[in-house]
Amino acid sequence: VRDLVRRTGLLLVRTPLGATSFDRALVDLGRHVPGFAALVAGWLADAPQEWAGVVGPSTRRMIENLADARVPA
């Protein structure tokens, strides 16, 4: 899944509209698919340089916030 998401992001970030759409889709999936935000947050933490050109800073923060909110206490 990680490679598919990253490849999709690399294709979409070639245009400003594509980059915006990709960021919105990541946040939307993070909100609605259980465990997705935590999964993406892990990818971002494990390889920040690999994802730096794909995921915008505000999207990164939103994914991290969603992941923290969904972690059971």
PDB file of N, CA and C in Angstrom:
ATOM      1  N   VAL A   1       0.834  -1.185   0.000  1.00  0.00           N
ATOM      2  CA  VAL A   1       0.000   0.000   0.000  1.00  0.00           C
ATOM      3  C   VAL A   1       0.879   1.249   0.000  1.00  0.00           C
ATOM      4  N   ARG A   2       1.955   1.194   0.755  1.00  0.00           N
ATOM      5  CA  ARG A   2       2.843   2.358   0.850  1.00  0.00           C
ATOM      6  C   ARG A   2       3.365   2.767  -0.519  1.00  0.00           C
ATOM      7  N   ASP A   3       3.854   1.793  -1.277  1.00  0.00           N
ATOM      8  CA  ASP A   3       4.399   2.103  -2.602  1.00  0.00           C
ATOM      9  C   ASP A   3       3.329   2.645  -3.542  1.00  0.00           C
ATOM     10  N   LEU A   4       2.143   2.089  -3.474  1.00  0.00           N
ATOM     11  CA  LEU A   4       1.052   2.560  -4.327  1.00  0.00           C
ATOM     12  C   LEU A   4       0.680   4.009  -3.997  1.00  0.00           C
ATOM     13  N   VAL A   5       0.578   4.315  -2.717  1.00  0.00           N
ATOM     14  CA  VAL A   5       0.238   5.683  -2.299  1.00  0.00           C
ATOM     15  C   VAL A   5       1.343   6.644  -2.723  1.00  0.00           C
ATOM     16  N   ARG A   6       2.590   6.245  -2.515  1.00  0.00           N
ATOM     17  CA  ARG A   6       3.706   7.126  -2.877  1.00  0.00           C
ATOM     18  C   ARG A   6       3.789   7.340  -4.391  1.00  0.00           C
ATOM     19  N   ARG A   7       3.643   6.289  -5.166  1.00  0.00           N
ATOM     20  CA  ARG A   7       3.676   6.434  -6.629  1.00  0.00           C
ATOM     21  C   ARG A   7       2.543   7.315  -7.127  1.00  0.00           C
ATOM     22  N   THR A   8       1.379   7.136  -6.551  1.00  0.00           N
ATOM     23  CA  THR A   8       0.239   7.976  -6.925  1.00  0.00           C
ATOM     24  C   THR A   8       0.541   9.434  -6.595  1.00  0.00           C
ATOM     25  N   GLY A   9       1.093   9.667  -5.413  1.00  0.00           N
ATOM     26  CA  GLY A   9       1.454  11.022  -5.020  1.00  0.00           C
ATOM     27  C   GLY A   9       2.490  11.633  -5.944  1.00  0.00           C
ATOM     28  N   LEU A  10       3.502  10.854  -6.324  1.00  0.00           N
ATOM     29  CA  LEU A  10       4.537  11.365  -7.224  1.00  0.00           C
ATOM     30  C   LEU A  10       3.963  11.772  -8.573  1.00  0.00           C
ATOM     31  N   LEU A  11       2.977  11.047  -9.046  1.00  0.00           N
ATOM     32  CA  LEU A  11       2.335  11.409 -10.308  1.00  0.00           C
ATOM     33  C   LEU A  11       1.472  12.664 -10.149  1.00  0.00           C
ATOM     34  N   LEU A  12       0.742  12.735  -9.055  1.00  0.00           N
ATOM     35  CA  LEU A  12      -0.183  13.848  -8.872  1.00  0.00           C
ATOM     36  C   LEU A  12       0.517  15.168  -8.556  1.00  0.00           C
ATOM     37  N   VAL A  13       1.654  15.121  -7.865  1.00  0.00           N
ATOM     38  CA  VAL A  13       2.292  16.384  -7.472  1.00  0.00           C
ATOM     39  C   VAL A  13       2.992  17.079  -8.636  1.00  0.00           C
ATOM     40  N   ARG A  14       2.880  16.535  -9.812  1.00  0.00           N
ATOM     41  CA  ARG A  14       3.454  17.190 -10.992  1.00  0.00           C
ATOM     42  C   ARG A  14       2.722  18.476 -11.351  1.00  0.00           C
ATOM     43  N   THR A  15       1.488  18.625 -10.871  1.00  0.00           N
ATOM     44  CA  THR A  15       0.717  19.844 -11.119  1.00  0.00           C
ATOM     45  C   THR A  15       0.187  20.363  -9.781  1.00  0.00           C
ATOM     46  N   PRO A  16      -0.038  21.652  -9.663  1.00  0.00           N
ATOM     47  CA  PRO A  16      -0.573  22.196  -8.409  1.00  0.00           C
ATOM     48  C   PRO A  16      -1.938  21.596  -8.047  1.00  0.00           C
ATOM     49  N   LEU A  17      -2.800  21.418  -9.028  1.00  0.00           N
ATOM     50  CA  LEU A  17      -4.116  20.829  -8.757  1.00  0.00           C
ATOM     51  C   LEU A  17      -3.980  19.390  -8.285  1.00  0.00           C
ATOM     52  N   GLY A  18      -3.072  18.657  -8.900  1.00  0.00           N
ATOM     53  CA  GLY A  18      -2.849  17.266  -8.502  1.00  0.00           C
ATOM     54  C   GLY A  18      -2.310  17.171  -7.087  1.00  0.00           C
ATOM     55  N   ALA A  19      -1.385  18.058  -6.737  1.00  0.00           N
ATOM     56  CA  ALA A  19      -0.820  18.064  -5.385  1.00  0.00           C
ATOM     57  C   ALA A  19      -1.897  18.362  -4.347  1.00  0.00           C
ATOM     58  N   THR A  20      -2.729  19.328  -4.647  1.00  0.00           N
ATOM     59  CA  THR A  20      -3.823  19.670  -3.738  1.00  0.00           C
ATOM     60  C   THR A  20      -4.796  18.507  -3.594  1.00  0.00           C
ATOM     61  N   SER A  21      -5.126  17.875  -4.697  1.00  0.00           N
ATOM     62  CA  SER A  21      -6.046  16.731  -4.672  1.00  0.00           C
ATOM     63  C   SER A  21      -5.464  15.575  -3.864  1.00  0.00           C
ATOM     64  N   PHE A  22      -4.173  15.328  -4.038  1.00  0.00           N
ATOM     65  CA  PHE A  22      -3.527  14.238  -3.297  1.00  0.00           C
ATOM     66  C   PHE A  22      -3.544  14.515  -1.798  1.00  0.00           C
ATOM     67  N   ASP A  23      -3.186  15.732  -1.404  1.00  0.00           N
ATOM     68  CA  ASP A  23      -3.202  16.079   0.017  1.00  0.00           C
ATOM     69  C   ASP A  23      -4.605  15.944   0.604  1.00  0.00           C
ATOM     70  N   ARG A  24      -5.591  16.431  -0.110  1.00  0.00           N
ATOM     71  CA  ARG A  24      -6.972  16.326   0.375  1.00  0.00           C
ATOM     72  C   ARG A  24      -7.408  14.873   0.496  1.00  0.00           C
ATOM     73  N   ALA A  25      -7.016  14.055  -0.467  1.00  0.00           N
ATOM     74  CA  ALA A  25      -7.387  12.634  -0.431  1.00  0.00           C
ATOM     75  C   ALA A  25      -6.741  11.930   0.763  1.00  0.00           C
ATOM     76  N   LEU A  26      -5.482  12.241   1.046  1.00  0.00           N
ATOM     77  CA  LEU A  26      -4.827  11.634   2.207  1.00  0.00           C
ATOM     78  C   LEU A  26      -5.543  11.987   3.506  1.00  0.00           C
ATOM     79  N   VAL A  27      -5.884  13.253   3.658  1.00  0.00           N
ATOM     80  CA  VAL A  27      -6.577  13.672   4.877  1.00  0.00           C
ATOM     81  C   VAL A  27      -7.958  13.031   4.955  1.00  0.00           C
ATOM     82  N   ASP A  28      -8.663  12.984   3.844  1.00  0.00           N
ATOM     83  CA  ASP A  28      -9.992  12.370   3.816  1.00  0.00           C
ATOM     84  C   ASP A  28      -9.913  10.889   4.190  1.00  0.00           C
ATOM     85  N   LEU A  29      -8.964  10.182   3.617  1.00  0.00           N
ATOM     86  CA  LEU A  29      -8.793   8.770   3.966  1.00  0.00           C
ATOM     87  C   LEU A  29      -8.403   8.619   5.434  1.00  0.00           C
ATOM     88  N   GLY A  30      -7.553   9.519   5.910  1.00  0.00           N
ATOM     89  CA  GLY A  30      -7.159   9.473   7.319  1.00  0.00           C
ATOM     90  C   GLY A  30      -8.326   9.678   8.263  1.00  0.00           C
ATOM     91  N   ARG A  31      -9.281  10.472   7.843  1.00  0.00           N
ATOM     92  CA  ARG A  31     -10.472  10.715   8.673  1.00  0.00           C
ATOM     93  C   ARG A  31     -11.459   9.556   8.634  1.00  0.00           C
ATOM     94  N   HIS A  32     -11.571   8.878   7.501  1.00  0.00           N
ATOM     95  CA  HIS A  32     -12.650   7.912   7.309  1.00  0.00           C
ATOM     96  C   HIS A  32     -12.245   6.446   7.290  1.00  0.00           C
ATOM     97  N   VAL A  33     -10.981   6.149   7.071  1.00  0.00           N
ATOM     98  CA  VAL A  33     -10.540   4.752   7.035  1.00  0.00           C
ATOM     99  C   VAL A  33      -9.772   4.458   8.321  1.00  0.00           C
ATOM    100  N   PRO A  34     -10.313   3.572   9.154  1.00  0.00           N
ATOM    101  CA  PRO A  34      -9.653   3.266  10.425  1.00  0.00           C
ATOM    102  C   PRO A  34      -8.215   2.787  10.215  1.00  0.00           C
ATOM    103  N   GLY A  35      -7.310   3.402  10.946  1.00  0.00           N
ATOM    104  CA  GLY A  35      -5.912   3.006  10.911  1.00  0.00           C
ATOM    105  C   GLY A  35      -5.083   3.639   9.800  1.00  0.00           C
ATOM    106  N   PHE A  36      -5.725   4.282   8.833  1.00  0.00           N
ATOM    107  CA  PHE A  36      -4.973   4.839   7.706  1.00  0.00           C
ATOM    108  C   PHE A  36      -4.088   6.006   8.135  1.00  0.00           C
ATOM    109  N   ALA A  37      -4.590   6.885   8.972  1.00  0.00           N
ATOM    110  CA  ALA A  37      -3.786   8.029   9.425  1.00  0.00           C
ATOM    111  C   ALA A  37      -2.556   7.554  10.183  1.00  0.00           C
ATOM    112  N   ALA A  38      -2.710   6.563  11.033  1.00  0.00           N
ATOM    113  CA  ALA A  38      -1.569   6.027  11.786  1.00  0.00           C
ATOM    114  C   ALA A  38      -0.558   5.375  10.845  1.00  0.00           C
ATOM    115  N   LEU A  39      -1.052   4.694   9.842  1.00  0.00           N
ATOM    116  CA  LEU A  39      -0.183   4.058   8.859  1.00  0.00           C
ATOM    117  C   LEU A  39       0.639   5.104   8.107  1.00  0.00           C
ATOM    118  N   VAL A  40      -0.025   6.129   7.609  1.00  0.00           N
ATOM    119  CA  VAL A  40       0.666   7.183   6.865  1.00  0.00           C
ATOM    120  C   VAL A  40       1.614   7.948   7.789  1.00  0.00           C
ATOM    121  N   ALA A  41       1.211   8.210   9.006  1.00  0.00           N
ATOM    122  CA  ALA A  41       2.088   8.907   9.956  1.00  0.00           C
ATOM    123  C   ALA A  41       3.364   8.102  10.187  1.00  0.00           C
ATOM    124  N   GLY A  42       3.235   6.799  10.236  1.00  0.00           N
ATOM    125  CA  GLY A  42       4.411   5.935  10.378  1.00  0.00           C
ATOM    126  C   GLY A  42       5.337   6.039   9.176  1.00  0.00           C
ATOM    127  N   TRP A  43       4.747   6.061   7.972  1.00  0.00           N
ATOM    128  CA  TRP A  43       5.562   6.205   6.759  1.00  0.00           C
ATOM    129  C   TRP A  43       6.300   7.530   6.771  1.00  0.00           C
ATOM    130  N   LEU A  44       5.597   8.587   7.152  1.00  0.00           N
ATOM    131  CA  LEU A  44       6.199   9.921   7.174  1.00  0.00           C
ATOM    132  C   LEU A  44       7.330  10.005   8.197  1.00  0.00           C
ATOM    133  N   ALA A  45       7.169   9.337   9.329  1.00  0.00           N
ATOM    134  CA  ALA A  45       8.196   9.353  10.371  1.00  0.00           C
ATOM    135  C   ALA A  45       9.395   8.494   9.988  1.00  0.00           C
ATOM    136  N   ASP A  46       9.142   7.371   9.333  1.00  0.00           N
ATOM    137  CA  ASP A  46      10.222   6.448   8.973  1.00  0.00           C
ATOM    138  C   ASP A  46      11.116   6.977   7.853  1.00  0.00           C
ATOM    139  N   ALA A  47      10.547   7.706   6.909  1.00  0.00           N
ATOM    140  CA  ALA A  47      11.315   8.190   5.755  1.00  0.00           C
ATOM    141  C   ALA A  47      10.883   9.609   5.393  1.00  0.00           C
ATOM    142  N   PRO A  48      11.176  10.571   6.249  1.00  0.00           N
ATOM    143  CA  PRO A  48      10.689  11.936   5.997  1.00  0.00           C
ATOM    144  C   PRO A  48      11.188  12.532   4.681  1.00  0.00           C
ATOM    145  N   GLN A  49      12.422  12.260   4.289  1.00  0.00           N
ATOM    146  CA  GLN A  49      12.950  12.819   3.040  1.00  0.00           C
ATOM    147  C   GLN A  49      12.245  12.234   1.822  1.00  0.00           C
ATOM    148  N   GLU A  50      11.870  10.976   1.917  1.00  0.00           N
ATOM    149  CA  GLU A  50      11.192  10.303   0.815  1.00  0.00           C
ATOM    150  C   GLU A  50       9.815  10.911   0.549  1.00  0.00           C
ATOM    151  N   TRP A  51       9.167  11.384   1.602  1.00  0.00           N
ATOM    152  CA  TRP A  51       7.810  11.916   1.486  1.00  0.00           C
ATOM    153  C   TRP A  51       7.768  13.443   1.414  1.00  0.00           C
ATOM    154  N   ALA A  52       8.901  14.099   1.606  1.00  0.00           N
ATOM    155  CA  ALA A  52       8.928  15.568   1.684  1.00  0.00           C
ATOM    156  C   ALA A  52       8.374  16.237   0.428  1.00  0.00           C
ATOM    157  N   GLY A  53       8.656  15.703  -0.728  1.00  0.00           N
ATOM    158  CA  GLY A  53       8.176  16.308  -1.964  1.00  0.00           C
ATOM    159  C   GLY A  53       6.794  15.863  -2.380  1.00  0.00           C
ATOM    160  N   VAL A  54       6.214  14.959  -1.597  1.00  0.00           N
ATOM    161  CA  VAL A  54       4.919  14.382  -1.966  1.00  0.00           C
ATOM    162  C   VAL A  54       3.791  14.907  -1.077  1.00  0.00           C
ATOM    163  N   VAL A  55       4.070  15.025   0.213  1.00  0.00           N
ATOM    164  CA  VAL A  55       3.053  15.433   1.182  1.00  0.00           C
ATOM    165  C   VAL A  55       3.392  16.819   1.707  1.00  0.00           C
ATOM    166  N   GLY A  56       2.455  17.732   1.594  1.00  0.00           N
ATOM    167  CA  GLY A  56       2.668  19.095   2.067  1.00  0.00           C
ATOM    168  C   GLY A  56       2.742  19.161   3.582  1.00  0.00           C
ATOM    169  N   PRO A  57       3.357  20.226   4.117  1.00  0.00           N
ATOM    170  CA  PRO A  57       3.532  20.348   5.564  1.00  0.00           C
ATOM    171  C   PRO A  57       2.220  20.388   6.345  1.00  0.00           C
ATOM    172  N   SER A  58       1.217  21.065   5.819  1.00  0.00           N
ATOM    173  CA  SER A  58      -0.054  21.123   6.553  1.00  0.00           C
ATOM    174  C   SER A  58      -0.748  19.759   6.538  1.00  0.00           C
ATOM    175  N   THR A  59      -0.602  19.033   5.455  1.00  0.00           N
ATOM    176  CA  THR A  59      -1.182  17.685   5.384  1.00  0.00           C
ATOM    177  C   THR A  59      -0.455  16.754   6.339  1.00  0.00           C
ATOM    178  N   ARG A  60       0.851  16.903   6.413  1.00  0.00           N
ATOM    179  CA  ARG A  60       1.645  16.088   7.350  1.00  0.00           C
ATOM    180  C   ARG A  60       1.166  16.328   8.784  1.00  0.00           C
ATOM    181  N   ARG A  61       0.980  17.582   9.153  1.00  0.00           N
ATOM    182  CA  ARG A  61       0.502  17.898  10.509  1.00  0.00           C
ATOM    183  C   ARG A  61      -0.896  17.330  10.751  1.00  0.00           C
ATOM    184  N   MET A  62      -1.768  17.454   9.748  1.00  0.00           N
ATOM    185  CA  MET A  62      -3.131  16.943   9.894  1.00  0.00           C
ATOM    186  C   MET A  62      -3.128  15.419  10.071  1.00  0.00           C
ATOM    187  N   ILE A  63      -2.322  14.724   9.285  1.00  0.00           N
ATOM    188  CA  ILE A  63      -2.233  13.269   9.400  1.00  0.00           C
ATOM    189  C   ILE A  63      -1.709  12.886  10.783  1.00  0.00           C
ATOM    190  N   GLU A  64      -0.686  13.581  11.244  1.00  0.00           N
ATOM    191  CA  GLU A  64      -0.149  13.305  12.581  1.00  0.00           C
ATOM    192  C   GLU A  64      -1.192  13.557  13.658  1.00  0.00           C
ATOM    193  N   ASN A  65      -1.955  14.639  13.522  1.00  0.00           N
ATOM    194  CA  ASN A  65      -3.019  14.918  14.499  1.00  0.00           C
ATOM    195  C   ASN A  65      -4.105  13.849  14.469  1.00  0.00           C
ATOM    196  N   LEU A  66      -4.495  13.423  13.280  1.00  0.00           N
ATOM    197  CA  LEU A  66      -5.512  12.376  13.153  1.00  0.00           C
ATOM    198  C   LEU A  66      -5.005  11.067  13.741  1.00  0.00           C
ATOM    199  N   ALA A  67      -3.749  10.758  13.514  1.00  0.00           N
ATOM    200  CA  ALA A  67      -3.178   9.516  14.045  1.00  0.00           C
ATOM    201  C   ALA A  67      -3.157   9.542  15.566  1.00  0.00           C
ATOM    202  N   ASP A  68      -2.778  10.670  16.149  1.00  0.00           N
ATOM    203  CA  ASP A  68      -2.749  10.784  17.606  1.00  0.00           C
ATOM    204  C   ASP A  68      -4.149  10.702  18.198  1.00  0.00           C
ATOM    205  N   ALA A  69      -5.112  11.258  17.521  1.00  0.00           N
ATOM    206  CA  ALA A  69      -6.490  11.255  18.021  1.00  0.00           C
ATOM    207  C   ALA A  69      -7.101   9.864  17.999  1.00  0.00           C
ATOM    208  N   ARG A  70      -6.596   9.010  17.144  1.00  0.00           N
ATOM    209  CA  ARG A  70      -7.180   7.685  16.990  1.00  0.00           C
ATOM    210  C   ARG A  70      -6.430   6.597  17.762  1.00  0.00           C
ATOM    211  N   VAL A  71      -5.344   6.959  18.409  1.00  0.00           N
ATOM    212  CA  VAL A  71      -4.593   5.971  19.182  1.00  0.00           C
ATOM    213  C   VAL A  71      -5.308   5.758  20.500  1.00  0.00           C
ATOM    214  N   PRO A  72      -5.691   4.504  20.807  1.00  0.00           N
ATOM    215  CA  PRO A  72      -6.400   4.266  22.072  1.00  0.00           C
ATOM    216  C   PRO A  72      -5.485   4.519  23.274  1.00  0.00           C
ATOM    217  N   ALA A  73      -6.063   5.042  24.336  1.00  0.00           N
ATOM    218  CA  ALA A  73      -5.290   5.359  25.545  1.00  0.00           C
ATOM    219  C   ALA A  73      -5.030   4.137  26.375  1.00  0.00           C
TER     220      ALA A  73
END
